[in-house]
Amino acid sequence: MSGFDLIIFDCDGVLVDSEIIAAQVESKLLTEAGYPISVEEMGERFAGMTWRNILLQVEKEVDIPLSASLIDKSEKLLDARLARDVKIIEGVTFALSRLTTQRCICSNSSAHRLDMMLEKVGLKPYFAPHIFSAKDLGPDRVKPKPDIFLHAAKQFDVSPSNVLVIEDSVHGIHGARAAGMRVVGFTGASHTYPSHADRLTDAGAETVISRMMDLPAVTAALTEWAGAL
């Protein structure tokens, strides 16, 4: 129904409500390490970034040596929290049942974490085996670099210009736009903040939705709009 050749979904904050859990775990670890930061600020500043890149960014800002053990500690704590608490984003199954276009996931999360979360919320059958982790390409090729999006387009043998990406983060949108893809921003997860939609639009999203159930209609509208140009 969409006219696109491929729809790419981010996972965290788009399909599963995991960004708020990550913000809770990571804000606690950073605060304990001497960098006080609230859960809300974590979501606003660092959503969509890997924990490794968050630590590198913090070290650039302040003269606090952050232990490499924080990476492993965060991974273990976050995996445990996600396995217990992660939930599906409301409206996702409705949207997926009405979108007939081929689809995949492109995420900065690790493959094992994606598998665990998607299994838990029942979404794996909607996407498998087309679930791609940017970390599998290399630690230096995660979003906001476009590599994972271009990798997905290559797997499906489609032109990036005819791919639609659904993203909740500025970093993800920058990566999708750098890949030459069109983007819908999403602000319906628990980590959203007052200026979220504006920041996604400024980053390059053509439109922003706060309810996943609106995605099929918006996708159809974007196709019609493009066809009228």
Protein backbone atom coordinates (compact mmCIF):
# COMPACT_ATOMS: atom_id res chain seq x y z
CA MET A 1 0.00 0.00 0.00
CA SER A 2 2.90 2.38 0.54
CA GLY A 3 4.75 2.64 -2.76
CA PHE A 4 8.07 2.35 -0.92
CA ASP A 5 10.33 -0.61 -1.66
CA LEU A 6 11.36 -1.04 1.98
CA ILE A 7 10.41 0.30 5.40
CA ILE A 8 13.18 0.30 8.00
CA PHE A 9 12.26 0.44 11.68
CA ASP A 10 14.57 1.44 14.46
CA CYS A 11 13.92 -0.82 17.45
CA ASP A 12 14.56 1.01 20.73
CA GLY A 13 11.94 3.69 21.25
CA VAL A 14 10.09 2.74 18.06
CA LEU A 15 9.08 -0.91 18.39
CA VAL A 16 9.88 -1.47 22.07
CA ASP A 17 9.74 1.02 24.93
CA SER A 18 13.33 0.46 25.97
CA GLU A 19 14.97 3.89 25.79
CA ILE A 20 13.47 4.96 29.12
CA ILE A 21 14.89 1.84 30.78
CA ALA A 22 18.33 2.51 29.30
CA ALA A 23 18.14 6.13 30.49
CA GLN A 24 17.34 4.98 34.03
CA VAL A 25 20.23 2.51 34.18
CA GLU A 26 22.77 4.77 32.51
CA SER A 27 21.89 7.96 34.38
CA LYS A 28 22.42 6.10 37.67
CA LEU A 29 25.82 4.77 36.56
CA LEU A 30 27.01 8.17 35.30
CA THR A 31 25.83 9.93 38.44
CA GLU A 32 27.65 7.40 40.61
CA ALA A 33 30.78 7.94 38.48
CA GLY A 34 30.74 11.68 39.20
CA TYR A 35 28.69 12.99 36.27
CA PRO A 36 25.25 13.89 37.70
CA ILE A 37 22.56 13.57 35.03
CA SER A 38 18.83 12.99 35.21
CA VAL A 39 16.85 10.31 33.42
CA GLU A 40 15.12 13.02 31.40
CA GLU A 41 18.40 14.58 30.28
CA MET A 42 19.75 11.17 29.30
CA GLY A 43 16.78 10.66 27.03
CA GLU A 44 16.99 14.11 25.51
CA ARG A 45 20.74 14.17 24.90
CA PHE A 46 21.76 10.59 24.28
CA ALA A 47 18.78 8.58 22.98
CA GLY A 48 19.85 6.47 20.03
CA MET A 49 23.56 6.48 20.95
CA THR A 50 25.53 3.44 22.05
CA TRP A 51 26.70 3.38 25.67
CA ARG A 52 30.31 3.39 24.44
CA ASN A 53 29.75 6.59 22.47
CA ILE A 54 27.88 8.18 25.39
CA LEU A 55 30.90 7.56 27.62
CA LEU A 56 33.24 9.01 25.01
CA GLN A 57 31.05 12.12 24.74
CA VAL A 58 30.96 12.59 28.51
CA GLU A 59 34.74 12.25 28.75
CA LYS A 60 35.10 15.02 26.18
CA GLU A 61 32.94 17.35 28.28
CA VAL A 62 34.42 16.79 31.71
CA ASP A 63 37.72 15.70 33.18
CA ILE A 64 36.40 12.49 34.65
CA PRO A 65 38.11 9.25 33.61
CA LEU A 66 35.31 6.75 33.12
CA SER A 67 36.25 3.16 33.82
CA ALA A 68 36.05 0.70 30.95
CA SER A 69 34.28 -1.62 33.37
CA LEU A 70 31.27 0.71 33.14
CA ILE A 71 30.58 -0.69 29.68
CA ASP A 72 30.29 -4.28 30.91
CA LYS A 73 28.44 -3.21 34.05
CA SER A 74 25.85 -1.29 32.04
CA GLU A 75 25.36 -4.14 29.58
CA LYS A 76 24.62 -6.64 32.35
CA LEU A 77 22.32 -4.32 34.31
CA LEU A 78 20.46 -3.19 31.21
CA ASP A 79 19.99 -6.69 29.82
CA ALA A 80 18.48 -7.77 33.14
CA ARG A 81 16.12 -4.78 33.27
CA LEU A 82 15.05 -5.16 29.66
CA ALA A 83 14.41 -8.88 30.03
CA ARG A 84 12.15 -8.10 32.97
CA ASP A 85 10.46 -4.83 32.04
CA VAL A 86 10.56 -4.01 28.32
CA LYS A 87 7.17 -3.63 26.63
CA ILE A 88 5.98 -3.23 23.08
CA ILE A 89 5.10 0.25 21.82
CA GLU A 90 1.33 0.61 21.63
CA GLY A 91 -0.03 0.36 18.09
CA VAL A 92 2.96 -1.45 16.57
CA THR A 93 1.15 -4.69 15.73
CA PHE A 94 -1.74 -2.69 14.24
CA ALA A 95 0.66 -0.80 11.98
CA LEU A 96 2.61 -3.89 10.94
CA SER A 97 -0.58 -5.77 10.07
CA ARG A 98 -1.56 -3.01 7.64
CA LEU A 99 1.80 -2.30 6.02
CA THR A 100 2.37 -4.76 3.18
CA THR A 101 5.77 -3.35 2.18
CA GLN A 102 8.82 -5.50 2.95
CA ARG A 103 10.43 -4.38 6.19
CA CYS A 104 13.42 -4.80 8.44
CA ILE A 105 15.01 -3.47 11.64
CA CYS A 106 18.19 -1.38 11.76
CA SER A 107 19.39 -0.77 15.31
CA ASN A 108 22.43 0.25 17.32
CA SER A 109 21.57 -2.44 19.87
CA SER A 110 23.49 -5.70 19.81
CA ALA A 111 22.06 -8.70 17.98
CA HIS A 112 21.56 -10.68 21.19
CA ARG A 113 19.68 -7.81 22.84
CA LEU A 114 17.48 -7.29 19.79
CA ASP A 115 16.65 -10.99 19.76
CA MET A 116 15.80 -10.97 23.46
CA MET A 117 13.56 -7.89 23.30
CA LEU A 118 11.74 -8.88 20.12
CA GLU A 119 11.11 -12.39 21.45
CA LYS A 120 9.78 -10.98 24.72
CA VAL A 121 7.23 -8.67 23.09
CA GLY A 122 6.29 -11.07 20.28
CA LEU A 123 7.63 -9.03 17.35
CA LYS A 124 10.40 -11.30 16.07
CA PRO A 125 8.14 -13.17 13.58
CA TYR A 126 7.23 -9.85 11.93
CA PHE A 127 10.87 -9.15 10.99
CA ALA A 128 13.08 -12.26 11.14
CA PRO A 129 15.52 -12.82 9.59
CA HIS A 130 15.85 -9.18 8.56
CA ILE A 131 17.06 -7.80 11.89
CA PHE A 132 20.30 -5.85 11.54
CA SER A 133 22.60 -4.60 14.29
CA ALA A 134 25.01 -1.80 13.40
CA LYS A 135 27.43 -3.25 15.96
CA ASP A 136 27.87 -6.27 13.69
CA LEU A 137 29.34 -3.95 11.07
CA GLY A 138 31.86 -2.58 13.58
CA PRO A 139 31.90 -0.27 16.64
CA ASP A 140 32.83 2.69 14.45
CA ARG A 141 29.91 2.20 12.05
CA VAL A 142 26.92 2.75 14.32
CA LYS A 143 24.35 5.51 13.87
CA PRO A 144 24.58 8.44 13.18
CA LYS A 145 26.69 6.94 10.39
CA PRO A 146 24.56 5.70 7.49
CA ASP A 147 26.24 2.30 7.20
CA ILE A 148 23.51 0.11 8.72
CA PHE A 149 20.82 1.72 6.56
CA LEU A 150 22.85 1.24 3.38
CA HIS A 151 23.56 -2.34 4.45
CA ALA A 152 19.82 -3.03 4.73
CA ALA A 153 19.06 -1.48 1.34
CA LYS A 154 21.74 -3.67 -0.20
CA GLN A 155 20.27 -6.83 1.35
CA PHE A 156 16.92 -6.06 -0.27
CA ASP A 157 18.49 -4.76 -3.50
CA VAL A 158 16.54 -1.50 -3.34
CA SER A 159 17.47 2.12 -3.94
CA PRO A 160 17.97 4.15 -0.74
CA SER A 161 15.82 6.90 -2.25
CA ASN A 162 12.80 4.59 -2.14
CA VAL A 163 13.24 3.53 1.47
CA LEU A 164 11.28 4.93 4.42
CA VAL A 165 12.87 4.91 7.88
CA ILE A 166 11.03 5.21 11.21
CA GLU A 167 13.25 6.77 13.87
CA ASP A 168 12.87 8.28 17.34
CA SER A 169 16.32 9.87 17.67
CA VAL A 170 18.20 12.75 16.07
CA HIS A 171 21.21 10.45 15.61
CA GLY A 172 19.14 7.87 13.78
CA ILE A 173 17.55 10.47 11.52
CA HIS A 174 20.94 11.93 10.65
CA GLY A 175 22.11 8.45 9.65
CA ALA A 176 19.04 7.74 7.54
CA ARG A 177 19.21 11.07 5.79
CA ALA A 178 22.93 10.60 5.13
CA ALA A 179 21.96 7.30 3.47
CA GLY A 180 19.60 9.20 1.17
CA MET A 181 16.42 7.83 2.73
CA ARG A 182 13.15 9.46 3.75
CA VAL A 183 12.29 9.55 7.44
CA VAL A 184 9.25 9.65 9.71
CA GLY A 185 10.02 10.70 13.27
CA PHE A 186 8.34 8.98 16.22
CA THR A 187 7.73 10.44 19.68
CA GLY A 188 5.38 7.88 21.23
CA ALA A 189 7.76 6.16 23.63
CA SER A 190 8.16 6.95 27.33
CA HIS A 191 11.45 8.82 26.92
CA THR A 192 9.88 11.61 24.83
CA TYR A 193 10.39 15.22 25.92
CA PRO A 194 8.75 18.60 25.09
CA SER A 195 11.01 19.57 22.17
CA HIS A 196 11.33 16.03 20.82
CA ALA A 197 9.20 16.49 17.68
CA ASP A 198 10.88 19.79 16.81
CA ARG A 199 14.33 18.25 17.11
CA LEU A 200 13.38 15.31 14.88
CA THR A 201 11.97 17.68 12.28
CA ASP A 202 15.10 19.84 12.42
CA ALA A 203 17.20 16.69 11.95
CA GLY A 204 15.40 15.86 8.71
CA ALA A 205 12.18 13.99 9.45
CA GLU A 206 9.50 14.83 6.89
CA THR A 207 6.81 14.44 9.50
CA VAL A 208 6.54 13.25 13.10
CA ILE A 209 3.94 10.97 14.65
CA SER A 210 3.25 10.19 18.29
CA ARG A 211 0.99 7.18 17.70
CA MET A 212 2.26 4.13 15.83
CA MET A 213 -1.23 3.31 14.66
CA ASP A 214 -1.02 6.44 12.47
CA LEU A 215 1.94 5.09 10.50
CA PRO A 216 0.04 3.27 7.71
CA ALA A 217 -1.95 6.39 6.80
CA VAL A 218 1.09 8.65 7.03
CA THR A 219 3.12 6.27 4.86
CA ALA A 220 0.40 6.31 2.20
CA ALA A 221 0.22 10.11 2.38
CA LEU A 222 3.99 10.44 1.92
CA THR A 223 3.75 8.28 -1.20
CA GLU A 224 1.01 10.44 -2.65
CA TRP A 225 2.90 13.61 -1.78
CA ALA A 226 6.05 12.36 -3.47
CA GLY A 227 4.09 11.32 -6.54
CA ALA A 228 2.64 14.81 -6.88
CA LEU A 229 6.07 16.46 -7.00
